[in-house]
Amino acid sequence: MNSKDVLGLAGERLAEKFLRASGLKIIARRFRTRAGEIDLIAMDGDEVVFVEVKTRRSARFGTPEESVTRTKRAHLRAVAFAYLSSTHRPRARFRIDVVAIEVFVNESPCITHIRSAVGDED
């Protein structure tokens, strides 16, 4: 496994722990479809929450959330609809969040949870 994959998995674990502490219930990890993959799926009350986790070691290429491009947002929406369809909940309330994690040397990770980061018209 390369260092980017290791960082990504570590970020997903940090995000999961953070979301659980915030009261969300994790129901799936790394859900894949032809349209792409979503890192975490959670429940926040009766709302399904799709979570894209972005982890960075430096700000050299921008913030983690800046890497969620228009194309990536379209893929995330497609994955969300595929999941809801596959679980027979096509009309369920849902949102797509981003958890941005910055892990800089000699510092504690900085975790930012952006609720409803991906909208319908992106």
PDB file of N, CA and C in Angstrom:
ATOM      1  N   MET A   1       0.862  -1.179   0.000  1.00  0.00           N
ATOM      2  CA  MET A   1       0.000   0.000   0.000  1.00  0.00           C
ATOM      3  C   MET A   1       0.901   1.232   0.000  1.00  0.00           C
ATOM      4  N   ASN A   2       0.607   2.177  -0.889  1.00  0.00           N
ATOM      5  CA  ASN A   2       1.456   3.369  -0.947  1.00  0.00           C
ATOM      6  C   ASN A   2       1.085   4.364   0.160  1.00  0.00           C
ATOM      7  N   SER A   3       1.951   5.356   0.350  1.00  0.00           N
ATOM      8  CA  SER A   3       1.764   6.295   1.464  1.00  0.00           C
ATOM      9  C   SER A   3       0.475   7.108   1.323  1.00  0.00           C
ATOM     10  N   LYS A   4       0.050   7.393   0.088  1.00  0.00           N
ATOM     11  CA  LYS A   4      -1.203   8.126  -0.122  1.00  0.00           C
ATOM     12  C   LYS A   4      -2.392   7.296   0.367  1.00  0.00           C
ATOM     13  N   ASP A   5      -2.383   5.985   0.067  1.00  0.00           N
ATOM     14  CA  ASP A   5      -3.462   5.111   0.524  1.00  0.00           C
ATOM     15  C   ASP A   5      -3.474   4.992   2.048  1.00  0.00           C
ATOM     16  N   VAL A   6      -2.285   4.896   2.641  1.00  0.00           N
ATOM     17  CA  VAL A   6      -2.174   4.806   4.096  1.00  0.00           C
ATOM     18  C   VAL A   6      -2.738   6.077   4.732  1.00  0.00           C
ATOM     19  N   LEU A   7      -2.369   7.237   4.179  1.00  0.00           N
ATOM     20  CA  LEU A   7      -2.887   8.508   4.693  1.00  0.00           C
ATOM     21  C   LEU A   7      -4.403   8.569   4.551  1.00  0.00           C
ATOM     22  N   GLY A   8      -4.916   8.127   3.405  1.00  0.00           N
ATOM     23  CA  GLY A   8      -6.360   8.138   3.179  1.00  0.00           C
ATOM     24  C   GLY A   8      -7.114   7.267   4.165  1.00  0.00           C
ATOM     25  N   LEU A   9      -6.605   6.069   4.417  1.00  0.00           N
ATOM     26  CA  LEU A   9      -7.252   5.166   5.380  1.00  0.00           C
ATOM     27  C   LEU A   9      -7.193   5.730   6.794  1.00  0.00           C
ATOM     28  N   ALA A  10      -6.054   6.328   7.153  1.00  0.00           N
ATOM     29  CA  ALA A  10      -5.937   6.947   8.474  1.00  0.00           C
ATOM     30  C   ALA A  10      -6.939   8.094   8.603  1.00  0.00           C
ATOM     31  N   GLY A  11      -7.085   8.878   7.548  1.00  0.00           N
ATOM     32  CA  GLY A  11      -8.056   9.966   7.556  1.00  0.00           C
ATOM     33  C   GLY A  11      -9.477   9.458   7.717  1.00  0.00           C
ATOM     34  N   GLU A  12      -9.801   8.371   7.024  1.00  0.00           N
ATOM     35  CA  GLU A  12     -11.147   7.804   7.143  1.00  0.00           C
ATOM     36  C   GLU A  12     -11.412   7.336   8.571  1.00  0.00           C
ATOM     37  N   ARG A  13     -10.419   6.732   9.211  1.00  0.00           N
ATOM     38  CA  ARG A  13     -10.594   6.291  10.603  1.00  0.00           C
ATOM     39  C   ARG A  13     -10.796   7.494  11.537  1.00  0.00           C
ATOM     40  N   LEU A  14      -9.999   8.554  11.327  1.00  0.00           N
ATOM     41  CA  LEU A  14     -10.173   9.771  12.140  1.00  0.00           C
ATOM     42  C   LEU A  14     -11.557  10.366  11.924  1.00  0.00           C
ATOM     43  N   ALA A  15     -11.989  10.437  10.673  1.00  0.00           N
ATOM     44  CA  ALA A  15     -13.306  10.990  10.361  1.00  0.00           C
ATOM     45  C   ALA A  15     -14.413  10.163  11.006  1.00  0.00           C
ATOM     46  N   GLU A  16     -14.287   8.849  10.926  1.00  0.00           N
ATOM     47  CA  GLU A  16     -15.304   7.983  11.525  1.00  0.00           C
ATOM     48  C   GLU A  16     -15.394   8.216  13.027  1.00  0.00           C
ATOM     49  N   LYS A  17     -14.261   8.281  13.696  1.00  0.00           N
ATOM     50  CA  LYS A  17     -14.251   8.521  15.140  1.00  0.00           C
ATOM     51  C   LYS A  17     -14.880   9.888  15.464  1.00  0.00           C
ATOM     52  N   PHE A  18     -14.532  10.904  14.683  1.00  0.00           N
ATOM     53  CA  PHE A  18     -15.072  12.249  14.863  1.00  0.00           C
ATOM     54  C   PHE A  18     -16.594  12.252  14.676  1.00  0.00           C
ATOM     55  N   LEU A  19     -17.063  11.604  13.611  1.00  0.00           N
ATOM     56  CA  LEU A  19     -18.502  11.586  13.332  1.00  0.00           C
ATOM     57  C   LEU A  19     -19.272  10.826  14.401  1.00  0.00           C
ATOM     58  N   ARG A  20     -18.719   9.703  14.845  1.00  0.00           N
ATOM     59  CA  ARG A  20     -19.370   8.957  15.939  1.00  0.00           C
ATOM     60  C   ARG A  20     -19.491   9.830  17.191  1.00  0.00           C
ATOM     61  N   ALA A  21     -18.419  10.554  17.518  1.00  0.00           N
ATOM     62  CA  ALA A  21     -18.434  11.438  18.690  1.00  0.00           C
ATOM     63  C   ALA A  21     -19.445  12.567  18.521  1.00  0.00           C
ATOM     64  N   SER A  22     -19.755  12.897  17.273  1.00  0.00           N
ATOM     65  CA  SER A  22     -20.754  13.943  16.975  1.00  0.00           C
ATOM     66  C   SER A  22     -22.175  13.400  16.949  1.00  0.00           C
ATOM     67  N   GLY A  23     -22.327  12.088  17.193  1.00  0.00           N
ATOM     68  CA  GLY A  23     -23.656  11.500  17.275  1.00  0.00           C
ATOM     69  C   GLY A  23     -24.142  10.775  16.039  1.00  0.00           C
ATOM     70  N   LEU A  24     -23.337  10.696  14.987  1.00  0.00           N
ATOM     71  CA  LEU A  24     -23.742   9.969  13.783  1.00  0.00           C
ATOM     72  C   LEU A  24     -23.466   8.479  13.960  1.00  0.00           C
ATOM     73  N   LYS A  25     -24.274   7.666  13.304  1.00  0.00           N
ATOM     74  CA  LYS A  25     -24.097   6.214  13.340  1.00  0.00           C
ATOM     75  C   LYS A  25     -23.577   5.770  11.972  1.00  0.00           C
ATOM     76  N   ILE A  26     -22.389   5.200  11.927  1.00  0.00           N
ATOM     77  CA  ILE A  26     -21.788   4.746  10.676  1.00  0.00           C
ATOM     78  C   ILE A  26     -22.473   3.446  10.250  1.00  0.00           C
ATOM     79  N   ILE A  27     -22.959   3.406   8.992  1.00  0.00           N
ATOM     80  CA  ILE A  27     -23.653   2.208   8.517  1.00  0.00           C
ATOM     81  C   ILE A  27     -22.922   1.528   7.352  1.00  0.00           C
ATOM     82  N   ALA A  28     -21.970   2.219   6.730  1.00  0.00           N
ATOM     83  CA  ALA A  28     -21.204   1.596   5.644  1.00  0.00           C
ATOM     84  C   ALA A  28     -19.891   2.347   5.455  1.00  0.00           C
ATOM     85  N   ARG A  29     -18.910   1.602   4.960  1.00  0.00           N
ATOM     86  CA  ARG A  29     -17.602   2.169   4.659  1.00  0.00           C
ATOM     87  C   ARG A  29     -17.223   1.805   3.241  1.00  0.00           C
ATOM     88  N   ARG A  30     -16.618   2.748   2.535  1.00  0.00           N
ATOM     89  CA  ARG A  30     -16.073   2.526   1.197  1.00  0.00           C
ATOM     90  C   ARG A  30     -17.076   1.847   0.258  1.00  0.00           C
ATOM     91  N   PHE A  31     -18.256   2.430   0.149  1.00  0.00           N
ATOM     92  CA  PHE A  31     -19.297   1.906  -0.728  1.00  0.00           C
ATOM     93  C   PHE A  31     -18.931   2.228  -2.167  1.00  0.00           C
ATOM     94  N   ARG A  32     -18.931   1.204  -3.029  1.00  0.00           N
ATOM     95  CA  ARG A  32     -18.517   1.371  -4.426  1.00  0.00           C
ATOM     96  C   ARG A  32     -19.634   1.031  -5.396  1.00  0.00           C
ATOM     97  N   THR A  33     -19.689   1.832  -6.460  1.00  0.00           N
ATOM     98  CA  THR A  33     -20.586   1.570  -7.584  1.00  0.00           C
ATOM     99  C   THR A  33     -19.804   1.866  -8.859  1.00  0.00           C
ATOM    100  N   ARG A  34     -20.442   1.670 -10.000  1.00  0.00           N
ATOM    101  CA  ARG A  34     -19.798   2.049 -11.260  1.00  0.00           C
ATOM    102  C   ARG A  34     -19.520   3.551 -11.317  1.00  0.00           C
ATOM    103  N   ALA A  35     -20.326   4.314 -10.617  1.00  0.00           N
ATOM    104  CA  ALA A  35     -20.186   5.779 -10.629  1.00  0.00           C
ATOM    105  C   ALA A  35     -19.027   6.271  -9.767  1.00  0.00           C
ATOM    106  N   GLY A  36     -18.558   5.440  -8.850  1.00  0.00           N
ATOM    107  CA  GLY A  36     -17.470   5.857  -7.968  1.00  0.00           C
ATOM    108  C   GLY A  36     -17.620   5.256  -6.588  1.00  0.00           C
ATOM    109  N   GLU A  37     -16.964   5.865  -5.637  1.00  0.00           N
ATOM    110  CA  GLU A  37     -16.929   5.368  -4.261  1.00  0.00           C
ATOM    111  C   GLU A  37     -17.209   6.522  -3.307  1.00  0.00           C
ATOM    112  N   ILE A  38     -17.846   6.177  -2.184  1.00  0.00           N
ATOM    113  CA  ILE A  38     -18.037   7.139  -1.099  1.00  0.00           C
ATOM    114  C   ILE A  38     -17.365   6.534   0.122  1.00  0.00           C
ATOM    115  N   ASP A  39     -16.663   7.364   0.887  1.00  0.00           N
ATOM    116  CA  ASP A  39     -15.854   6.856   1.984  1.00  0.00           C
ATOM    117  C   ASP A  39     -16.680   6.304   3.140  1.00  0.00           C
ATOM    118  N   LEU A  40     -17.665   7.073   3.593  1.00  0.00           N
ATOM    119  CA  LEU A  40     -18.491   6.655   4.734  1.00  0.00           C
ATOM    120  C   LEU A  40     -19.953   6.984   4.463  1.00  0.00           C
ATOM    121  N   ILE A  41     -20.820   6.144   5.007  1.00  0.00           N
ATOM    122  CA  ILE A  41     -22.255   6.429   4.995  1.00  0.00           C
ATOM    123  C   ILE A  41     -22.716   6.321   6.436  1.00  0.00           C
ATOM    124  N   ALA A  42     -23.464   7.313   6.870  1.00  0.00           N
ATOM    125  CA  ALA A  42     -23.900   7.375   8.265  1.00  0.00           C
ATOM    126  C   ALA A  42     -25.367   7.743   8.332  1.00  0.00           C
ATOM    127  N   MET A  43     -25.909   7.617   9.514  1.00  0.00           N
ATOM    128  CA  MET A  43     -27.263   8.085   9.800  1.00  0.00           C
ATOM    129  C   MET A  43     -27.159   9.204  10.824  1.00  0.00           C
ATOM    130  N   ASP A  44     -27.876  10.282  10.559  1.00  0.00           N
ATOM    131  CA  ASP A  44     -27.992  11.400  11.486  1.00  0.00           C
ATOM    132  C   ASP A  44     -29.485  11.543  11.742  1.00  0.00           C
ATOM    133  N   GLY A  45     -29.958  10.868  12.760  1.00  0.00           N
ATOM    134  CA  GLY A  45     -31.402  10.763  12.971  1.00  0.00           C
ATOM    135  C   GLY A  45     -31.976   9.928  11.852  1.00  0.00           C
ATOM    136  N   ASP A  46     -32.938  10.496  11.088  1.00  0.00           N
ATOM    137  CA  ASP A  46     -33.535   9.753   9.973  1.00  0.00           C
ATOM    138  C   ASP A  46     -32.944  10.164   8.625  1.00  0.00           C
ATOM    139  N   GLU A  47     -31.859  10.935   8.650  1.00  0.00           N
ATOM    140  CA  GLU A  47     -31.230  11.411   7.419  1.00  0.00           C
ATOM    141  C   GLU A  47     -29.985  10.570   7.104  1.00  0.00           C
ATOM    142  N   VAL A  48     -29.888  10.119   5.851  1.00  0.00           N
ATOM    143  CA  VAL A  48     -28.702   9.384   5.399  1.00  0.00           C
ATOM    144  C   VAL A  48     -27.635  10.422   5.059  1.00  0.00           C
ATOM    145  N   VAL A  49     -26.426  10.195   5.564  1.00  0.00           N
ATOM    146  CA  VAL A  49     -25.327  11.141   5.348  1.00  0.00           C
ATOM    147  C   VAL A  49     -24.203  10.424   4.604  1.00  0.00           C
ATOM    148  N   PHE A  50     -23.892  10.912   3.411  1.00  0.00           N
ATOM    149  CA  PHE A  50     -22.786  10.391   2.615  1.00  0.00           C
ATOM    150  C   PHE A  50     -21.592  11.292   2.901  1.00  0.00           C
ATOM    151  N   VAL A  51     -20.458  10.685   3.225  1.00  0.00           N
ATOM    152  CA  VAL A  51     -19.307  11.472   3.674  1.00  0.00           C
ATOM    153  C   VAL A  51     -18.083  11.197   2.801  1.00  0.00           C
ATOM    154  N   GLU A  52     -17.584  12.249   2.196  1.00  0.00           N
ATOM    155  CA  GLU A  52     -16.322  12.198   1.461  1.00  0.00           C
ATOM    156  C   GLU A  52     -15.237  12.726   2.400  1.00  0.00           C
ATOM    157  N   VAL A  53     -14.197  11.924   2.612  1.00  0.00           N
ATOM    158  CA  VAL A  53     -13.102  12.303   3.502  1.00  0.00           C
ATOM    159  C   VAL A  53     -11.902  12.699   2.649  1.00  0.00           C
ATOM    160  N   LYS A  54     -11.362  13.871   2.919  1.00  0.00           N
ATOM    161  CA  LYS A  54     -10.172  14.349   2.210  1.00  0.00           C
ATOM    162  C   LYS A  54      -9.109  14.674   3.249  1.00  0.00           C
ATOM    163  N   THR A  55      -7.943  14.065   3.100  1.00  0.00           N
ATOM    164  CA  THR A  55      -6.860  14.227   4.072  1.00  0.00           C
ATOM    165  C   THR A  55      -5.625  14.760   3.362  1.00  0.00           C
ATOM    166  N   ARG A  56      -4.978  15.732   3.976  1.00  0.00           N
ATOM    167  CA  ARG A  56      -3.774  16.337   3.409  1.00  0.00           C
ATOM    168  C   ARG A  56      -2.685  16.428   4.476  1.00  0.00           C
ATOM    169  N   ARG A  57      -1.438  16.289   4.021  1.00  0.00           N
ATOM    170  CA  ARG A  57      -0.268  16.460   4.902  1.00  0.00           C
ATOM    171  C   ARG A  57       0.299  17.872   4.836  1.00  0.00           C
ATOM    172  N   SER A  58      -0.070  18.613   3.795  1.00  0.00           N
ATOM    173  CA  SER A  58       0.412  19.990   3.658  1.00  0.00           C
ATOM    174  C   SER A  58      -0.627  20.777   2.864  1.00  0.00           C
ATOM    175  N   ALA A  59      -0.440  22.082   2.870  1.00  0.00           N
ATOM    176  CA  ALA A  59      -1.341  22.959   2.110  1.00  0.00           C
ATOM    177  C   ALA A  59      -0.768  23.269   0.735  1.00  0.00           C
ATOM    178  N   ARG A  60       0.256  22.563   0.352  1.00  0.00           N
ATOM    179  CA  ARG A  60       0.946  22.828  -0.916  1.00  0.00           C
ATOM    180  C   ARG A  60       0.000  22.832  -2.115  1.00  0.00           C
ATOM    181  N   PHE A  61      -0.967  21.921  -2.119  1.00  0.00           N
ATOM    182  CA  PHE A  61      -1.907  21.826  -3.236  1.00  0.00           C
ATOM    183  C   PHE A  61      -3.301  22.304  -2.859  1.00  0.00           C
ATOM    184  N   GLY A  62      -3.388  23.135  -1.835  1.00  0.00           N
ATOM    185  CA  GLY A  62      -4.674  23.665  -1.405  1.00  0.00           C
ATOM    186  C   GLY A  62      -5.227  22.894  -0.218  1.00  0.00           C
ATOM    187  N   THR A  63      -6.376  23.323   0.221  1.00  0.00           N
ATOM    188  CA  THR A  63      -7.021  22.674   1.364  1.00  0.00           C
ATOM    189  C   THR A  63      -7.670  21.370   0.913  1.00  0.00           C
ATOM    190  N   PRO A  64      -7.912  20.467   1.846  1.00  0.00           N
ATOM    191  CA  PRO A  64      -8.550  19.194   1.468  1.00  0.00           C
ATOM    192  C   PRO A  64      -9.892  19.396   0.766  1.00  0.00           C
ATOM    193  N   GLU A  65     -10.706  20.305   1.266  1.00  0.00           N
ATOM    194  CA  GLU A  65     -12.038  20.490   0.688  1.00  0.00           C
ATOM    195  C   GLU A  65     -11.985  21.073  -0.726  1.00  0.00           C
ATOM    196  N   GLU A  66     -10.916  21.780  -1.051  1.00  0.00           N
ATOM    197  CA  GLU A  66     -10.781  22.322  -2.404  1.00  0.00           C
ATOM    198  C   GLU A  66     -10.590  21.234  -3.454  1.00  0.00           C
ATOM    199  N   SER A  67     -10.219  20.036  -3.010  1.00  0.00           N
ATOM    200  CA  SER A  67     -10.020  18.935  -3.957  1.00  0.00           C
ATOM    201  C   SER A  67     -11.325  18.241  -4.349  1.00  0.00           C
ATOM    202  N   VAL A  68     -12.437  18.669  -3.764  1.00  0.00           N
ATOM    203  CA  VAL A  68     -13.738  18.120  -4.144  1.00  0.00           C
ATOM    204  C   VAL A  68     -14.245  18.974  -5.311  1.00  0.00           C
ATOM    205  N   THR A  69     -13.845  18.570  -6.498  1.00  0.00           N
ATOM    206  CA  THR A  69     -14.137  19.319  -7.721  1.00  0.00           C
ATOM    207  C   THR A  69     -15.579  19.121  -8.165  1.00  0.00           C
ATOM    208  N   ARG A  70     -15.968  19.872  -9.187  1.00  0.00           N
ATOM    209  CA  ARG A  70     -17.311  19.734  -9.764  1.00  0.00           C
ATOM    210  C   ARG A  70     -17.539  18.293 -10.238  1.00  0.00           C
ATOM    211  N   THR A  71     -16.534  17.708 -10.875  1.00  0.00           N
ATOM    212  CA  THR A  71     -16.642  16.323 -11.344  1.00  0.00           C
ATOM    213  C   THR A  71     -16.816  15.369 -10.170  1.00  0.00           C
ATOM    214  N   LYS A  72     -16.036  15.567  -9.102  1.00  0.00           N
ATOM    215  CA  LYS A  72     -16.134  14.711  -7.923  1.00  0.00           C
ATOM    216  C   LYS A  72     -17.514  14.852  -7.288  1.00  0.00           C
ATOM    217  N   ARG A  73     -18.033  16.068  -7.223  1.00  0.00           N
ATOM    218  CA  ARG A  73     -19.366  16.265  -6.641  1.00  0.00           C
ATOM    219  C   ARG A  73     -20.427  15.518  -7.444  1.00  0.00           C
ATOM    220  N   ALA A  74     -20.311  15.525  -8.766  1.00  0.00           N
ATOM    221  CA  ALA A  74     -21.260  14.781  -9.606  1.00  0.00           C
ATOM    222  C   ALA A  74     -21.164  13.283  -9.323  1.00  0.00           C
ATOM    223  N   HIS A  75     -19.949  12.778  -9.153  1.00  0.00           N
ATOM    224  CA  HIS A  75     -19.763  11.361  -8.829  1.00  0.00           C
ATOM    225  C   HIS A  75     -20.371  11.035  -7.464  1.00  0.00           C
ATOM    226  N   LEU A  76     -20.169  11.925  -6.494  1.00  0.00           N
ATOM    227  CA  LEU A  76     -20.721  11.687  -5.152  1.00  0.00           C
ATOM    228  C   LEU A  76     -22.246  11.629  -5.189  1.00  0.00           C
ATOM    229  N   ARG A  77     -22.864  12.536  -5.945  1.00  0.00           N
ATOM    230  CA  ARG A  77     -24.330  12.495  -6.077  1.00  0.00           C
ATOM    231  C   ARG A  77     -24.774  11.190  -6.717  1.00  0.00           C
ATOM    232  N   ALA A  78     -24.072  10.748  -7.768  1.00  0.00           N
ATOM    233  CA  ALA A  78     -24.432   9.501  -8.453  1.00  0.00           C
ATOM    234  C   ALA A  78     -24.308   8.310  -7.511  1.00  0.00           C
ATOM    235  N   VAL A  79     -23.253   8.284  -6.703  1.00  0.00           N
ATOM    236  CA  VAL A  79     -23.074   7.189  -5.742  1.00  0.00           C
ATOM    237  C   VAL A  79     -24.184   7.225  -4.693  1.00  0.00           C
ATOM    238  N   ALA A  80     -24.539   8.418  -4.228  1.00  0.00           N
ATOM    239  CA  ALA A  80     -25.614   8.538  -3.233  1.00  0.00           C
ATOM    240  C   ALA A  80     -26.926   7.986  -3.784  1.00  0.00           C
ATOM    241  N   PHE A  81     -27.275   8.369  -5.010  1.00  0.00           N
ATOM    242  CA  PHE A  81     -28.519   7.871  -5.608  1.00  0.00           C
ATOM    243  C   PHE A  81     -28.459   6.356  -5.824  1.00  0.00           C
ATOM    244  N   ALA A  82     -27.296   5.842  -6.209  1.00  0.00           N
ATOM    245  CA  ALA A  82     -27.146   4.388  -6.395  1.00  0.00           C
ATOM    246  C   ALA A  82     -27.331   3.654  -5.074  1.00  0.00           C
ATOM    247  N   TYR A  83     -26.765   4.188  -4.000  1.00  0.00           N
ATOM    248  CA  TYR A  83     -26.917   3.559  -2.688  1.00  0.00           C
ATOM    249  C   TYR A  83     -28.381   3.566  -2.261  1.00  0.00           C
ATOM    250  N   LEU A  84     -29.026   4.709  -2.375  1.00  0.00           N
ATOM    251  CA  LEU A  84     -30.429   4.800  -1.955  1.00  0.00           C
ATOM    252  C   LEU A  84     -31.302   3.851  -2.773  1.00  0.00           C
ATOM    253  N   SER A  85     -31.037   3.753  -4.046  1.00  0.00           N
ATOM    254  CA  SER A  85     -31.789   2.839  -4.901  1.00  0.00           C
ATOM    255  C   SER A  85     -31.535   1.386  -4.505  1.00  0.00           C
ATOM    256  N   SER A  86     -30.278   1.049  -4.242  1.00  0.00           N
ATOM    257  CA  SER A  86     -29.927  -0.343  -3.898  1.00  0.00           C
ATOM    258  C   SER A  86     -30.487  -0.762  -2.542  1.00  0.00           C
ATOM    259  N   THR A  87     -30.762   0.211  -1.680  1.00  0.00           N
ATOM    260  CA  THR A  87     -31.323  -0.099  -0.362  1.00  0.00           C
ATOM    261  C   THR A  87     -32.824   0.158  -0.312  1.00  0.00           C
ATOM    262  N   HIS A  88     -33.417   0.372  -1.499  1.00  0.00           N
ATOM    263  CA  HIS A  88     -34.872   0.553  -1.631  1.00  0.00           C
ATOM    264  C   HIS A  88     -35.380   1.758  -0.836  1.00  0.00           C
ATOM    265  N   ARG A  89     -34.564   2.827  -0.816  1.00  0.00           N
ATOM    266  CA  ARG A  89     -34.958   4.065  -0.149  1.00  0.00           C
ATOM    267  C   ARG A  89     -34.761   5.252  -1.092  1.00  0.00           C
ATOM    268  N   PRO A  90     -35.310   5.205  -2.300  1.00  0.00           N
ATOM    269  CA  PRO A  90     -35.023   6.267  -3.272  1.00  0.00           C
ATOM    270  C   PRO A  90     -35.501   7.650  -2.851  1.00  0.00           C
ATOM    271  N   ARG A  91     -36.427   7.724  -1.918  1.00  0.00           N
ATOM    272  CA  ARG A  91     -36.950   9.028  -1.496  1.00  0.00           C
ATOM    273  C   ARG A  91     -36.470   9.443  -0.105  1.00  0.00           C
ATOM    274  N   ALA A  92     -35.482   8.735   0.418  1.00  0.00           N
ATOM    275  CA  ALA A  92     -34.973   9.045   1.756  1.00  0.00           C
ATOM    276  C   ALA A  92     -34.333  10.425   1.784  1.00  0.00           C
ATOM    277  N   ARG A  93     -34.450  11.077   2.922  1.00  0.00           N
ATOM    278  CA  ARG A  93     -33.747  12.350   3.115  1.00  0.00           C
ATOM    279  C   ARG A  93     -32.263  12.048   3.210  1.00  0.00           C
ATOM    280  N   PHE A  94     -31.454  12.861   2.512  1.00  0.00           N
ATOM    281  CA  PHE A  94     -30.015  12.648   2.581  1.00  0.00           C
ATOM    282  C   PHE A  94     -29.269  13.946   2.360  1.00  0.00           C
ATOM    283  N   ARG A  95     -27.995  13.908   2.715  1.00  0.00           N
ATOM    284  CA  ARG A  95     -27.094  15.013   2.424  1.00  0.00           C
ATOM    285  C   ARG A  95     -25.707  14.432   2.155  1.00  0.00           C
ATOM    286  N   ILE A  96     -24.863  15.246   1.539  1.00  0.00           N
ATOM    287  CA  ILE A  96     -23.492  14.824   1.252  1.00  0.00           C
ATOM    288  C   ILE A  96     -22.559  15.804   1.955  1.00  0.00           C
ATOM    289  N   ASP A  97     -21.788  15.276   2.900  1.00  0.00           N
ATOM    290  CA  ASP A  97     -20.859  16.076   3.691  1.00  0.00           C
ATOM    291  C   ASP A  97     -19.427  15.817   3.242  1.00  0.00           C
ATOM    292  N   VAL A  98     -18.556  16.726   3.608  1.00  0.00           N
ATOM    293  CA  VAL A  98     -17.115  16.537   3.425  1.00  0.00           C
ATOM    294  C   VAL A  98     -16.461  16.685   4.787  1.00  0.00           C
ATOM    295  N   VAL A  99     -15.570  15.751   5.106  1.00  0.00           N
ATOM    296  CA  VAL A  99     -14.730  15.889   6.290  1.00  0.00           C
ATOM    297  C   VAL A  99     -13.321  16.134   5.776  1.00  0.00           C
ATOM    298  N   ALA A 100     -12.805  17.319   6.066  1.00  0.00           N
ATOM    299  CA  ALA A 100     -11.468  17.729   5.635  1.00  0.00           C
ATOM    300  C   ALA A 100     -10.515  17.574   6.818  1.00  0.00           C
ATOM    301  N   ILE A 101      -9.417  16.863   6.576  1.00  0.00           N
ATOM    302  CA  ILE A 101      -8.457  16.604   7.645  1.00  0.00           C
ATOM    303  C   ILE A 101      -7.078  17.066   7.193  1.00  0.00           C
ATOM    304  N   GLU A 102      -6.473  17.892   8.029  1.00  0.00           N
ATOM    305  CA  GLU A 102      -5.107  18.339   7.774  1.00  0.00           C
ATOM    306  C   GLU A 102      -4.214  17.745   8.852  1.00  0.00           C
ATOM    307  N   VAL A 103      -3.207  17.008   8.407  1.00  0.00           N
ATOM    308  CA  VAL A 103      -2.289  16.334   9.312  1.00  0.00           C
ATOM    309  C   VAL A 103      -0.895  16.893   9.041  1.00  0.00           C
ATOM    310  N   PHE A 104      -0.499  17.898   9.813  1.00  0.00           N
ATOM    311  CA  PHE A 104       0.807  18.517   9.624  1.00  0.00           C
ATOM    312  C   PHE A 104       1.782  17.960  10.655  1.00  0.00           C
ATOM    313  N   VAL A 105       3.040  17.913  10.297  1.00  0.00           N
ATOM    314  CA  VAL A 105       4.084  17.376  11.175  1.00  0.00           C
ATOM    315  C   VAL A 105       4.083  18.110  12.513  1.00  0.00           C
ATOM    316  N   ASN A 106       4.163  17.338  13.597  1.00  0.00           N
ATOM    317  CA  ASN A 106       4.239  17.853  14.969  1.00  0.00           C
ATOM    318  C   ASN A 106       3.007  18.627  15.411  1.00  0.00           C
ATOM    319  N   GLU A 107       1.879  18.418  14.756  1.00  0.00           N
ATOM    320  CA  GLU A 107       0.631  19.074  15.155  1.00  0.00           C
ATOM    321  C   GLU A 107      -0.475  18.031  15.247  1.00  0.00           C
ATOM    322  N   SER A 108      -1.462  18.309  16.054  1.00  0.00           N
ATOM    323  CA  SER A 108      -2.634  17.446  16.106  1.00  0.00           C
ATOM    324  C   SER A 108      -3.422  17.631  14.822  1.00  0.00           C
ATOM    325  N   PRO A 109      -4.093  16.577  14.352  1.00  0.00           N
ATOM    326  CA  PRO A 109      -4.901  16.716  13.128  1.00  0.00           C
ATOM    327  C   PRO A 109      -5.983  17.774  13.305  1.00  0.00           C
ATOM    328  N   CYS A 110      -6.205  18.537  12.268  1.00  0.00           N
ATOM    329  CA  CYS A 110      -7.282  19.537  12.239  1.00  0.00           C
ATOM    330  C   CYS A 110      -8.420  18.950  11.405  1.00  0.00           C
ATOM    331  N   ILE A 111      -9.573  18.761  12.021  1.00  0.00           N
ATOM    332  CA  ILE A 111     -10.713  18.143  11.352  1.00  0.00           C
ATOM    333  C   ILE A 111     -11.818  19.180  11.192  1.00  0.00           C
ATOM    334  N   THR A 112     -12.272  19.334   9.942  1.00  0.00           N
ATOM    335  CA  THR A 112     -13.364  20.253   9.633  1.00  0.00           C
ATOM    336  C   THR A 112     -14.492  19.459   8.984  1.00  0.00           C
ATOM    337  N   HIS A 113     -15.677  19.510   9.581  1.00  0.00           N
ATOM    338  CA  HIS A 113     -16.842  18.804   9.061  1.00  0.00           C
ATOM    339  C   HIS A 113     -17.733  19.820   8.351  1.00  0.00           C
ATOM    340  N   ILE A 114     -17.875  19.645   7.039  1.00  0.00           N
ATOM    341  CA  ILE A 114     -18.687  20.566   6.242  1.00  0.00           C
ATOM    342  C   ILE A 114     -19.989  19.846   5.884  1.00  0.00           C
ATOM    343  N   ARG A 115     -21.044  20.216   6.585  1.00  0.00           N
ATOM    344  CA  ARG A 115     -22.358  19.610   6.357  1.00  0.00           C
ATOM    345  C   ARG A 115     -22.951  20.124   5.059  1.00  0.00           C
ATOM    346  N   SER A 116     -23.619  19.227   4.344  1.00  0.00           N
ATOM    347  CA  SER A 116     -24.280  19.579   3.077  1.00  0.00           C
ATOM    348  C   SER A 116     -23.324  20.292   2.116  1.00  0.00           C
ATOM    349  N   ALA A 117     -22.103  19.785   2.035  1.00  0.00           N
ATOM    350  CA  ALA A 117     -21.069  20.410   1.198  1.00  0.00           C
ATOM    351  C   ALA A 117     -21.372  20.281  -0.287  1.00  0.00           C
ATOM    352  N   VAL A 118     -22.123  19.265  -0.647  1.00  0.00           N
ATOM    353  CA  VAL A 118     -22.467  19.026  -2.054  1.00  0.00           C
ATOM    354  C   VAL A 118     -23.960  19.212  -2.205  1.00  0.00           C
ATOM    355  N   GLY A 119     -24.341  20.174  -3.041  1.00  0.00           N
ATOM    356  CA  GLY A 119     -25.748  20.463  -3.245  1.00  0.00           C
ATOM    357  C   GLY A 119     -26.274  19.829  -4.523  1.00  0.00           C
ATOM    358  N   ASP A 120     -27.519  20.120  -4.837  1.00  0.00           N
ATOM    359  CA  ASP A 120     -28.173  19.556  -6.018  1.00  0.00           C
ATOM    360  C   ASP A 120     -27.685  20.152  -7.314  1.00  0.00           C
ATOM    361  N   GLU A 121     -27.283  21.403  -7.305  1.00  0.00           N
ATOM    362  CA  GLU A 121     -26.969  22.081  -8.572  1.00  0.00           C
ATOM    363  C   GLU A 121     -25.489  22.239  -8.854  1.00  0.00           C
ATOM    364  N   ASP A 122     -24.619  21.674  -8.069  1.00  0.00           N
ATOM    365  CA  ASP A 122     -23.166  21.861  -8.271  1.00  0.00           C
ATOM    366  C   ASP A 122     -22.742  21.497  -9.659  1.00  0.00           C
TER     367      ASP A 122
END
